[in-house]
Amino acid sequence: MGAASGSASGAAEGNEDAALGSIATEYLLTGRLPEAEKGLRAFLAVPRPEAAAARARFYLGQVYYLQGKLQPAVLELLLARPRYYAAVEPWLENCLQRLSGS
């Protein structure tokens, strides 16, 4: 069970990484934010391992921020924060500053 299970788990994580990488490359990095939002929301509609879900939520928070959707950005960033604290903090701080009007 151990070796096969670990191997299957690694393959699943590789598939998650490939799917997120595809969304990031096709949409996020090319500025196609509505498509990135749709792709990330579809990705998160299926149960995912914690690491993949947190990364997708971080990306989705960035997409929302870049579209000016600050409240949903804050939510997604907070959900990603436990796993990606250092990466999330500047985005979250900017969202909160913009929401407070400062």
PDB file of N, CA and C in Angstrom:
ATOM      1  N   MET A   1       0.818  -1.195   0.000  1.00  0.00           N
ATOM      2  CA  MET A   1       0.000   0.000   0.000  1.00  0.00           C
ATOM      3  C   MET A   1       0.860   1.257   0.000  1.00  0.00           C
ATOM      4  N   GLY A   2       1.924   1.305   0.809  1.00  0.00           N
ATOM      5  CA  GLY A   2       2.714   2.513   0.982  1.00  0.00           C
ATOM      6  C   GLY A   2       3.330   3.043  -0.297  1.00  0.00           C
ATOM      7  N   ALA A   3       4.107   2.213  -1.015  1.00  0.00           N
ATOM      8  CA  ALA A   3       4.800   2.695  -2.199  1.00  0.00           C
ATOM      9  C   ALA A   3       3.827   3.048  -3.308  1.00  0.00           C
ATOM     10  N   ALA A   4       2.863   2.186  -3.540  1.00  0.00           N
ATOM     11  CA  ALA A   4       1.881   2.462  -4.596  1.00  0.00           C
ATOM     12  C   ALA A   4       1.052   3.678  -4.235  1.00  0.00           C
ATOM     13  N   SER A   5       0.676   3.779  -2.977  1.00  0.00           N
ATOM     14  CA  SER A   5      -0.129   4.914  -2.538  1.00  0.00           C
ATOM     15  C   SER A   5       0.652   6.212  -2.680  1.00  0.00           C
ATOM     16  N   GLY A   6       1.917   6.214  -2.268  1.00  0.00           N
ATOM     17  CA  GLY A   6       2.738   7.409  -2.387  1.00  0.00           C
ATOM     18  C   GLY A   6       2.945   7.792  -3.832  1.00  0.00           C
ATOM     19  N   SER A   7       3.139   6.801  -4.692  1.00  0.00           N
ATOM     20  CA  SER A   7       3.316   7.049  -6.108  1.00  0.00           C
ATOM     21  C   SER A   7       2.050   7.631  -6.726  1.00  0.00           C
ATOM     22  N   ALA A   8       0.900   7.087  -6.357  1.00  0.00           N
ATOM     23  CA  ALA A   8      -0.372   7.608  -6.874  1.00  0.00           C
ATOM     24  C   ALA A   8      -0.596   9.026  -6.379  1.00  0.00           C
ATOM     25  N   SER A   9      -0.246   9.270  -5.127  1.00  0.00           N
ATOM     26  CA  SER A   9      -0.398  10.611  -4.566  1.00  0.00           C
ATOM     27  C   SER A   9       0.497  11.604  -5.297  1.00  0.00           C
ATOM     28  N   GLY A  10       1.730  11.196  -5.578  1.00  0.00           N
ATOM     29  CA  GLY A  10       2.649  12.065  -6.303  1.00  0.00           C
ATOM     30  C   GLY A  10       2.149  12.363  -7.702  1.00  0.00           C
ATOM     31  N   ALA A  11       1.575  11.357  -8.362  1.00  0.00           N
ATOM     32  CA  ALA A  11       1.026  11.560  -9.705  1.00  0.00           C
ATOM     33  C   ALA A  11      -0.149  12.521  -9.659  1.00  0.00           C
ATOM     34  N   ALA A  12      -0.999  12.372  -8.643  1.00  0.00           N
ATOM     35  CA  ALA A  12      -2.150  13.274  -8.511  1.00  0.00           C
ATOM     36  C   ALA A  12      -1.680  14.703  -8.293  1.00  0.00           C
ATOM     37  N   GLU A  13      -0.654  14.880  -7.445  1.00  0.00           N
ATOM     38  CA  GLU A  13      -0.131  16.224  -7.208  1.00  0.00           C
ATOM     39  C   GLU A  13       0.474  16.793  -8.479  1.00  0.00           C
ATOM     40  N   GLY A  14       1.127  15.941  -9.273  1.00  0.00           N
ATOM     41  CA  GLY A  14       1.680  16.395 -10.542  1.00  0.00           C
ATOM     42  C   GLY A  14       0.592  16.859 -11.488  1.00  0.00           C
ATOM     43  N   ASN A  15      -0.534  16.141 -11.501  1.00  0.00           N
ATOM     44  CA  ASN A  15      -1.670  16.548 -12.334  1.00  0.00           C
ATOM     45  C   ASN A  15      -2.243  17.871 -11.864  1.00  0.00           C
ATOM     46  N   GLU A  16      -2.322  18.059 -10.550  1.00  0.00           N
ATOM     47  CA  GLU A  16      -2.827  19.318  -9.993  1.00  0.00           C
ATOM     48  C   GLU A  16      -1.909  20.464 -10.425  1.00  0.00           C
ATOM     49  N   ASP A  17      -0.598  20.240 -10.286  1.00  0.00           N
ATOM     50  CA  ASP A  17       0.375  21.263 -10.668  1.00  0.00           C
ATOM     51  C   ASP A  17       0.266  21.595 -12.153  1.00  0.00           C
ATOM     52  N   ALA A  18       0.101  20.566 -12.976  1.00  0.00           N
ATOM     53  CA  ALA A  18      -0.011  20.784 -14.419  1.00  0.00           C
ATOM     54  C   ALA A  18      -1.263  21.583 -14.751  1.00  0.00           C
ATOM     55  N   ALA A  19      -2.376  21.256 -14.101  1.00  0.00           N
ATOM     56  CA  ALA A  19      -3.629  21.975 -14.357  1.00  0.00           C
ATOM     57  C   ALA A  19      -3.508  23.437 -13.942  1.00  0.00           C
ATOM     58  N   LEU A  20      -2.950  23.686 -12.764  1.00  0.00           N
ATOM     59  CA  LEU A  20      -2.774  25.072 -12.313  1.00  0.00           C
ATOM     60  C   LEU A  20      -1.779  25.817 -13.196  1.00  0.00           C
ATOM     61  N   GLY A  21      -0.716  25.135 -13.579  1.00  0.00           N
ATOM     62  CA  GLY A  21       0.270  25.755 -14.460  1.00  0.00           C
ATOM     63  C   GLY A  21      -0.336  26.150 -15.792  1.00  0.00           C
ATOM     64  N   SER A  22      -1.213  25.310 -16.300  1.00  0.00           N
ATOM     65  CA  SER A  22      -1.881  25.595 -17.566  1.00  0.00           C
ATOM     66  C   SER A  22      -2.775  26.827 -17.453  1.00  0.00           C
ATOM     67  N   ILE A  23      -3.535  26.913 -16.376  1.00  0.00           N
ATOM     68  CA  ILE A  23      -4.403  28.080 -16.156  1.00  0.00           C
ATOM     69  C   ILE A  23      -3.554  29.339 -16.029  1.00  0.00           C
ATOM     70  N   ALA A  24      -2.479  29.254 -15.248  1.00  0.00           N
ATOM     71  CA  ALA A  24      -1.616  30.419 -15.044  1.00  0.00           C
ATOM     72  C   ALA A  24      -0.974  30.865 -16.352  1.00  0.00           C
ATOM     73  N   THR A  25      -0.464  29.913 -17.123  1.00  0.00           N
ATOM     74  CA  THR A  25       0.230  30.241 -18.369  1.00  0.00           C
ATOM     75  C   THR A  25      -0.724  30.763 -19.432  1.00  0.00           C
ATOM     76  N   GLU A  26      -1.856  30.094 -19.585  1.00  0.00           N
ATOM     77  CA  GLU A  26      -2.791  30.472 -20.646  1.00  0.00           C
ATOM     78  C   GLU A  26      -3.522  31.774 -20.359  1.00  0.00           C
ATOM     79  N   TYR A  27      -3.895  31.986 -19.109  1.00  0.00           N
ATOM     80  CA  TYR A  27      -4.793  33.099 -18.808  1.00  0.00           C
ATOM     81  C   TYR A  27      -4.185  34.163 -17.904  1.00  0.00           C
ATOM     82  N   LEU A  28      -3.670  33.767 -16.774  1.00  0.00           N
ATOM     83  CA  LEU A  28      -3.203  34.743 -15.788  1.00  0.00           C
ATOM     84  C   LEU A  28      -2.010  35.536 -16.314  1.00  0.00           C
ATOM     85  N   LEU A  29      -1.008  34.857 -16.826  1.00  0.00           N
ATOM     86  CA  LEU A  29       0.194  35.541 -17.293  1.00  0.00           C
ATOM     87  C   LEU A  29      -0.018  36.320 -18.582  1.00  0.00           C
ATOM     88  N   THR A  30      -1.085  36.025 -19.295  1.00  0.00           N
ATOM     89  CA  THR A  30      -1.375  36.755 -20.532  1.00  0.00           C
ATOM     90  C   THR A  30      -2.412  37.854 -20.318  1.00  0.00           C
ATOM     91  N   GLY A  31      -2.818  38.054 -19.054  1.00  0.00           N
ATOM     92  CA  GLY A  31      -3.755  39.128 -18.745  1.00  0.00           C
ATOM     93  C   GLY A  31      -5.203  38.822 -19.063  1.00  0.00           C
ATOM     94  N   ARG A  32      -5.509  37.575 -19.350  1.00  0.00           N
ATOM     95  CA  ARG A  32      -6.898  37.194 -19.649  1.00  0.00           C
ATOM     96  C   ARG A  32      -7.576  36.833 -18.329  1.00  0.00           C
ATOM     97  N   LEU A  33      -7.840  37.871 -17.543  1.00  0.00           N
ATOM     98  CA  LEU A  33      -8.298  37.682 -16.170  1.00  0.00           C
ATOM     99  C   LEU A  33      -9.666  37.028 -16.046  1.00  0.00           C
ATOM    100  N   PRO A  34     -10.670  37.389 -16.852  1.00  0.00           N
ATOM    101  CA  PRO A  34     -11.956  36.685 -16.722  1.00  0.00           C
ATOM    102  C   PRO A  34     -11.830  35.183 -16.987  1.00  0.00           C
ATOM    103  N   GLU A  35     -10.997  34.810 -17.961  1.00  0.00           N
ATOM    104  CA  GLU A  35     -10.791  33.394 -18.250  1.00  0.00           C
ATOM    105  C   GLU A  35     -10.021  32.721 -17.116  1.00  0.00           C
ATOM    106  N   ALA A  36      -9.053  33.433 -16.543  1.00  0.00           N
ATOM    107  CA  ALA A  36      -8.306  32.894 -15.400  1.00  0.00           C
ATOM    108  C   ALA A  36      -9.246  32.662 -14.225  1.00  0.00           C
ATOM    109  N   GLU A  37     -10.117  33.631 -13.968  1.00  0.00           N
ATOM    110  CA  GLU A  37     -11.089  33.485 -12.875  1.00  0.00           C
ATOM    111  C   GLU A  37     -11.970  32.256 -13.102  1.00  0.00           C
ATOM    112  N   LYS A  38     -12.480  32.125 -14.307  1.00  0.00           N
ATOM    113  CA  LYS A  38     -13.353  30.988 -14.625  1.00  0.00           C
ATOM    114  C   LYS A  38     -12.607  29.662 -14.467  1.00  0.00           C
ATOM    115  N   GLY A  39     -11.383  29.595 -14.977  1.00  0.00           N
ATOM    116  CA  GLY A  39     -10.599  28.374 -14.877  1.00  0.00           C
ATOM    117  C   GLY A  39     -10.266  28.005 -13.442  1.00  0.00           C
ATOM    118  N   LEU A  40      -9.908  28.994 -12.641  1.00  0.00           N
ATOM    119  CA  LEU A  40      -9.571  28.731 -11.239  1.00  0.00           C
ATOM    120  C   LEU A  40     -10.802  28.329 -10.439  1.00  0.00           C
ATOM    121  N   ARG A  41     -11.923  28.958 -10.721  1.00  0.00           N
ATOM    122  CA  ARG A  41     -13.157  28.575 -10.019  1.00  0.00           C
ATOM    123  C   ARG A  41     -13.563  27.149 -10.389  1.00  0.00           C
ATOM    124  N   ALA A  42     -13.399  26.783 -11.656  1.00  0.00           N
ATOM    125  CA  ALA A  42     -13.698  25.407 -12.075  1.00  0.00           C
ATOM    126  C   ALA A  42     -12.731  24.426 -11.405  1.00  0.00           C
ATOM    127  N   PHE A  43     -11.474  24.802 -11.321  1.00  0.00           N
ATOM    128  CA  PHE A  43     -10.477  23.960 -10.649  1.00  0.00           C
ATOM    129  C   PHE A  43     -10.878  23.724  -9.196  1.00  0.00           C
ATOM    130  N   LEU A  44     -11.322  24.763  -8.514  1.00  0.00           N
ATOM    131  CA  LEU A  44     -11.687  24.665  -7.097  1.00  0.00           C
ATOM    132  C   LEU A  44     -13.049  24.015  -6.873  1.00  0.00           C
ATOM    133  N   ALA A  45     -13.838  23.843  -7.924  1.00  0.00           N
ATOM    134  CA  ALA A  45     -15.156  23.211  -7.782  1.00  0.00           C
ATOM    135  C   ALA A  45     -15.036  21.712  -7.517  1.00  0.00           C
ATOM    136  N   VAL A  46     -13.863  21.167  -7.775  1.00  0.00           N
ATOM    137  CA  VAL A  46     -13.584  19.746  -7.547  1.00  0.00           C
ATOM    138  C   VAL A  46     -12.711  19.641  -6.300  1.00  0.00           C
ATOM    139  N   PRO A  47     -12.973  18.676  -5.419  1.00  0.00           N
ATOM    140  CA  PRO A  47     -12.112  18.539  -4.233  1.00  0.00           C
ATOM    141  C   PRO A  47     -10.641  18.366  -4.638  1.00  0.00           C
ATOM    142  N   ARG A  48      -9.777  19.133  -4.003  1.00  0.00           N
ATOM    143  CA  ARG A  48      -8.346  19.127  -4.323  1.00  0.00           C
ATOM    144  C   ARG A  48      -7.524  18.920  -3.058  1.00  0.00           C
ATOM    145  N   PRO A  49      -6.288  18.435  -3.200  1.00  0.00           N
ATOM    146  CA  PRO A  49      -5.396  18.388  -2.043  1.00  0.00           C
ATOM    147  C   PRO A  49      -5.192  19.804  -1.489  1.00  0.00           C
ATOM    148  N   GLU A  50      -4.924  19.883  -0.204  1.00  0.00           N
ATOM    149  CA  GLU A  50      -4.819  21.182   0.468  1.00  0.00           C
ATOM    150  C   GLU A  50      -3.828  22.125  -0.211  1.00  0.00           C
ATOM    151  N   ALA A  51      -2.667  21.621  -0.577  1.00  0.00           N
ATOM    152  CA  ALA A  51      -1.644  22.479  -1.181  1.00  0.00           C
ATOM    153  C   ALA A  51      -2.119  23.053  -2.514  1.00  0.00           C
ATOM    154  N   ALA A  52      -2.727  22.225  -3.346  1.00  0.00           N
ATOM    155  CA  ALA A  52      -3.206  22.686  -4.652  1.00  0.00           C
ATOM    156  C   ALA A  52      -4.349  23.674  -4.492  1.00  0.00           C
ATOM    157  N   ALA A  53      -5.257  23.400  -3.572  1.00  0.00           N
ATOM    158  CA  ALA A  53      -6.381  24.312  -3.340  1.00  0.00           C
ATOM    159  C   ALA A  53      -5.880  25.654  -2.824  1.00  0.00           C
ATOM    160  N   ALA A  54      -4.920  25.632  -1.911  1.00  0.00           N
ATOM    161  CA  ALA A  54      -4.388  26.887  -1.369  1.00  0.00           C
ATOM    162  C   ALA A  54      -3.706  27.699  -2.462  1.00  0.00           C
ATOM    163  N   ARG A  55      -2.941  27.035  -3.312  1.00  0.00           N
ATOM    164  CA  ARG A  55      -2.278  27.759  -4.398  1.00  0.00           C
ATOM    165  C   ARG A  55      -3.294  28.332  -5.376  1.00  0.00           C
ATOM    166  N   ALA A  56      -4.320  27.554  -5.697  1.00  0.00           N
ATOM    167  CA  ALA A  56      -5.366  28.051  -6.595  1.00  0.00           C
ATOM    168  C   ALA A  56      -6.082  29.243  -5.971  1.00  0.00           C
ATOM    169  N   ARG A  57      -6.331  29.193  -4.674  1.00  0.00           N
ATOM    170  CA  ARG A  57      -6.986  30.314  -3.996  1.00  0.00           C
ATOM    171  C   ARG A  57      -6.093  31.552  -3.996  1.00  0.00           C
ATOM    172  N   PHE A  58      -4.792  31.359  -3.849  1.00  0.00           N
ATOM    173  CA  PHE A  58      -3.864  32.486  -3.935  1.00  0.00           C
ATOM    174  C   PHE A  58      -3.929  33.114  -5.326  1.00  0.00           C
ATOM    175  N   TYR A  59      -3.870  32.280  -6.363  1.00  0.00           N
ATOM    176  CA  TYR A  59      -3.980  32.794  -7.729  1.00  0.00           C
ATOM    177  C   TYR A  59      -5.316  33.496  -7.948  1.00  0.00           C
ATOM    178  N   LEU A  60      -6.394  32.902  -7.445  1.00  0.00           N
ATOM    179  CA  LEU A  60      -7.716  33.499  -7.616  1.00  0.00           C
ATOM    180  C   LEU A  60      -7.794  34.835  -6.882  1.00  0.00           C
ATOM    181  N   GLY A  61      -7.203  34.911  -5.705  1.00  0.00           N
ATOM    182  CA  GLY A  61      -7.142  36.185  -4.985  1.00  0.00           C
ATOM    183  C   GLY A  61      -6.419  37.246  -5.797  1.00  0.00           C
ATOM    184  N   GLN A  62      -5.333  36.869  -6.444  1.00  0.00           N
ATOM    185  CA  GLN A  62      -4.608  37.804  -7.302  1.00  0.00           C
ATOM    186  C   GLN A  62      -5.478  38.259  -8.473  1.00  0.00           C
ATOM    187  N   VAL A  63      -6.169  37.309  -9.081  1.00  0.00           N
ATOM    188  CA  VAL A  63      -7.035  37.636 -10.221  1.00  0.00           C
ATOM    189  C   VAL A  63      -8.120  38.616  -9.788  1.00  0.00           C
ATOM    190  N   TYR A  64      -8.773  38.327  -8.665  1.00  0.00           N
ATOM    191  CA  TYR A  64      -9.800  39.242  -8.165  1.00  0.00           C
ATOM    192  C   TYR A  64      -9.209  40.622  -7.890  1.00  0.00           C
ATOM    193  N   TYR A  65      -8.056  40.670  -7.255  1.00  0.00           N
ATOM    194  CA  TYR A  65      -7.409  41.948  -6.956  1.00  0.00           C
ATOM    195  C   TYR A  65      -7.160  42.734  -8.244  1.00  0.00           C
ATOM    196  N   LEU A  66      -6.598  42.080  -9.235  1.00  0.00           N
ATOM    197  CA  LEU A  66      -6.273  42.748 -10.496  1.00  0.00           C
ATOM    198  C   LEU A  66      -7.513  43.216 -11.250  1.00  0.00           C
ATOM    199  N   GLN A  67      -8.660  42.602 -10.963  1.00  0.00           N
ATOM    200  CA  GLN A  67      -9.923  43.022 -11.576  1.00  0.00           C
ATOM    201  C   GLN A  67     -10.640  44.067 -10.723  1.00  0.00           C
ATOM    202  N   GLY A  68     -10.070  44.420  -9.572  1.00  0.00           N
ATOM    203  CA  GLY A  68     -10.710  45.386  -8.686  1.00  0.00           C
ATOM    204  C   GLY A  68     -11.811  44.788  -7.830  1.00  0.00           C
ATOM    205  N   LYS A  69     -11.888  43.467  -7.773  1.00  0.00           N
ATOM    206  CA  LYS A  69     -12.892  42.773  -6.948  1.00  0.00           C
ATOM    207  C   LYS A  69     -12.253  42.494  -5.587  1.00  0.00           C
ATOM    208  N   LEU A  70     -12.193  43.527  -4.767  1.00  0.00           N
ATOM    209  CA  LEU A  70     -11.374  43.467  -3.566  1.00  0.00           C
ATOM    210  C   LEU A  70     -11.942  42.575  -2.472  1.00  0.00           C
ATOM    211  N   GLN A  71     -13.244  42.579  -2.264  1.00  0.00           N
ATOM    212  CA  GLN A  71     -13.803  41.735  -1.201  1.00  0.00           C
ATOM    213  C   GLN A  71     -13.601  40.248  -1.482  1.00  0.00           C
ATOM    214  N   PRO A  72     -13.909  39.756  -2.690  1.00  0.00           N
ATOM    215  CA  PRO A  72     -13.608  38.345  -2.952  1.00  0.00           C
ATOM    216  C   PRO A  72     -12.105  38.062  -2.915  1.00  0.00           C
ATOM    217  N   ALA A  73     -11.295  39.046  -3.295  1.00  0.00           N
ATOM    218  CA  ALA A  73      -9.839  38.860  -3.230  1.00  0.00           C
ATOM    219  C   ALA A  73      -9.399  38.611  -1.798  1.00  0.00           C
ATOM    220  N   VAL A  74      -9.926  39.408  -0.865  1.00  0.00           N
ATOM    221  CA  VAL A  74      -9.571  39.242   0.546  1.00  0.00           C
ATOM    222  C   VAL A  74      -9.947  37.840   1.020  1.00  0.00           C
ATOM    223  N   LEU A  75     -11.140  37.386   0.684  1.00  0.00           N
ATOM    224  CA  LEU A  75     -11.583  36.056   1.108  1.00  0.00           C
ATOM    225  C   LEU A  75     -10.635  34.969   0.601  1.00  0.00           C
ATOM    226  N   GLU A  76     -10.332  34.988  -0.681  1.00  0.00           N
ATOM    227  CA  GLU A  76      -9.467  33.951  -1.253  1.00  0.00           C
ATOM    228  C   GLU A  76      -8.062  34.023  -0.665  1.00  0.00           C
ATOM    229  N   LEU A  77      -7.557  35.227  -0.476  1.00  0.00           N
ATOM    230  CA  LEU A  77      -6.223  35.370   0.100  1.00  0.00           C
ATOM    231  C   LEU A  77      -6.179  34.875   1.538  1.00  0.00           C
ATOM    232  N   LEU A  78      -7.232  35.143   2.297  1.00  0.00           N
ATOM    233  CA  LEU A  78      -7.280  34.636   3.673  1.00  0.00           C
ATOM    234  C   LEU A  78      -7.315  33.110   3.699  1.00  0.00           C
ATOM    235  N   LEU A  79      -8.010  32.511   2.745  1.00  0.00           N
ATOM    236  CA  LEU A  79      -8.064  31.050   2.684  1.00  0.00           C
ATOM    237  C   LEU A  79      -6.709  30.443   2.295  1.00  0.00           C
ATOM    238  N   ALA A  80      -5.922  31.173   1.518  1.00  0.00           N
ATOM    239  CA  ALA A  80      -4.596  30.695   1.111  1.00  0.00           C
ATOM    240  C   ALA A  80      -3.520  31.024   2.144  1.00  0.00           C
ATOM    241  N   ARG A  81      -3.796  31.956   3.013  1.00  0.00           N
ATOM    242  CA  ARG A  81      -2.801  32.503   3.940  1.00  0.00           C
ATOM    243  C   ARG A  81      -2.105  31.474   4.834  1.00  0.00           C
ATOM    244  N   PRO A  82      -2.811  30.501   5.413  1.00  0.00           N
ATOM    245  CA  PRO A  82      -2.097  29.560   6.287  1.00  0.00           C
ATOM    246  C   PRO A  82      -0.961  28.812   5.580  1.00  0.00           C
ATOM    247  N   ARG A  83      -1.120  28.561   4.317  1.00  0.00           N
ATOM    248  CA  ARG A  83      -0.114  27.783   3.578  1.00  0.00           C
ATOM    249  C   ARG A  83       0.915  28.677   2.886  1.00  0.00           C
ATOM    250  N   TYR A  84       0.510  29.866   2.466  1.00  0.00           N
ATOM    251  CA  TYR A  84       1.375  30.753   1.677  1.00  0.00           C
ATOM    252  C   TYR A  84       1.466  32.139   2.306  1.00  0.00           C
ATOM    253  N   TYR A  85       1.733  32.173   3.599  1.00  0.00           N
ATOM    254  CA  TYR A  85       1.693  33.423   4.360  1.00  0.00           C
ATOM    255  C   TYR A  85       2.545  34.524   3.724  1.00  0.00           C
ATOM    256  N   ALA A  86       3.806  34.239   3.464  1.00  0.00           N
ATOM    257  CA  ALA A  86       4.717  35.267   2.958  1.00  0.00           C
ATOM    258  C   ALA A  86       4.268  35.822   1.604  1.00  0.00           C
ATOM    259  N   ALA A  87       3.751  34.973   0.740  1.00  0.00           N
ATOM    260  CA  ALA A  87       3.304  35.420  -0.580  1.00  0.00           C
ATOM    261  C   ALA A  87       1.994  36.190  -0.498  1.00  0.00           C
ATOM    262  N   VAL A  88       1.130  35.787   0.422  1.00  0.00           N
ATOM    263  CA  VAL A  88      -0.207  36.382   0.535  1.00  0.00           C
ATOM    264  C   VAL A  88      -0.168  37.766   1.177  1.00  0.00           C
ATOM    265  N   GLU A  89       0.681  37.956   2.174  1.00  0.00           N
ATOM    266  CA  GLU A  89       0.640  39.176   2.982  1.00  0.00           C
ATOM    267  C   GLU A  89       0.663  40.479   2.188  1.00  0.00           C
ATOM    268  N   PRO A  90       1.568  40.674   1.221  1.00  0.00           N
ATOM    269  CA  PRO A  90       1.547  41.951   0.496  1.00  0.00           C
ATOM    270  C   PRO A  90       0.254  42.175  -0.286  1.00  0.00           C
ATOM    271  N   TRP A  91      -0.277  41.103  -0.872  1.00  0.00           N
ATOM    272  CA  TRP A  91      -1.532  41.216  -1.624  1.00  0.00           C
ATOM    273  C   TRP A  91      -2.678  41.567  -0.687  1.00  0.00           C
ATOM    274  N   LEU A  92      -2.720  40.890   0.445  1.00  0.00           N
ATOM    275  CA  LEU A  92      -3.781  41.120   1.419  1.00  0.00           C
ATOM    276  C   LEU A  92      -3.699  42.536   1.977  1.00  0.00           C
ATOM    277  N   GLU A  93      -2.504  42.975   2.295  1.00  0.00           N
ATOM    278  CA  GLU A  93      -2.314  44.332   2.814  1.00  0.00           C
ATOM    279  C   GLU A  93      -2.796  45.373   1.808  1.00  0.00           C
ATOM    280  N   ASN A  94      -2.460  45.195   0.539  1.00  0.00           N
ATOM    281  CA  ASN A  94      -2.908  46.133  -0.500  1.00  0.00           C
ATOM    282  C   ASN A  94      -4.422  46.131  -0.644  1.00  0.00           C
ATOM    283  N   CYS A  95      -5.032  44.957  -0.597  1.00  0.00           N
ATOM    284  CA  CYS A  95      -6.497  44.872  -0.671  1.00  0.00           C
ATOM    285  C   CYS A  95      -7.130  45.660   0.469  1.00  0.00           C
ATOM    286  N   LEU A  96      -6.648  45.415   1.671  1.00  0.00           N
ATOM    287  CA  LEU A  96      -7.239  46.065   2.843  1.00  0.00           C
ATOM    288  C   LEU A  96      -7.023  47.573   2.809  1.00  0.00           C
ATOM    289  N   GLN A  97      -5.863  48.021   2.344  1.00  0.00           N
ATOM    290  CA  GLN A  97      -5.625  49.461   2.206  1.00  0.00           C
ATOM    291  C   GLN A  97      -6.586  50.078   1.199  1.00  0.00           C
ATOM    292  N   ARG A  98      -6.778  49.411   0.079  1.00  0.00           N
ATOM    293  CA  ARG A  98      -7.687  49.940  -0.941  1.00  0.00           C
ATOM    294  C   ARG A  98      -9.126  49.937  -0.450  1.00  0.00           C
ATOM    295  N   LEU A  99      -9.517  48.908   0.286  1.00  0.00           N
ATOM    296  CA  LEU A  99     -10.882  48.859   0.823  1.00  0.00           C
ATOM    297  C   LEU A  99     -11.119  49.946   1.864  1.00  0.00           C
ATOM    298  N   SER A 100     -10.081  50.289   2.617  1.00  0.00           N
ATOM    299  CA  SER A 100     -10.237  51.316   3.655  1.00  0.00           C
ATOM    300  C   SER A 100     -10.115  52.723   3.076  1.00  0.00           C
ATOM    301  N   GLY A 101      -9.719  52.814   1.812  1.00  0.00           N
ATOM    302  CA  GLY A 101      -9.629  54.114   1.157  1.00  0.00           C
ATOM    303  C   GLY A 101      -8.328  54.840   1.426  1.00  0.00           C
ATOM    304  N   SER A 102      -7.345  54.156   2.022  1.00  0.00           N
ATOM    305  CA  SER A 102      -6.080  54.857   2.286  1.00  0.00           C
ATOM    306  C   SER A 102      -5.032  54.552   1.256  1.00  0.00           C
TER     307      SER A 102
END
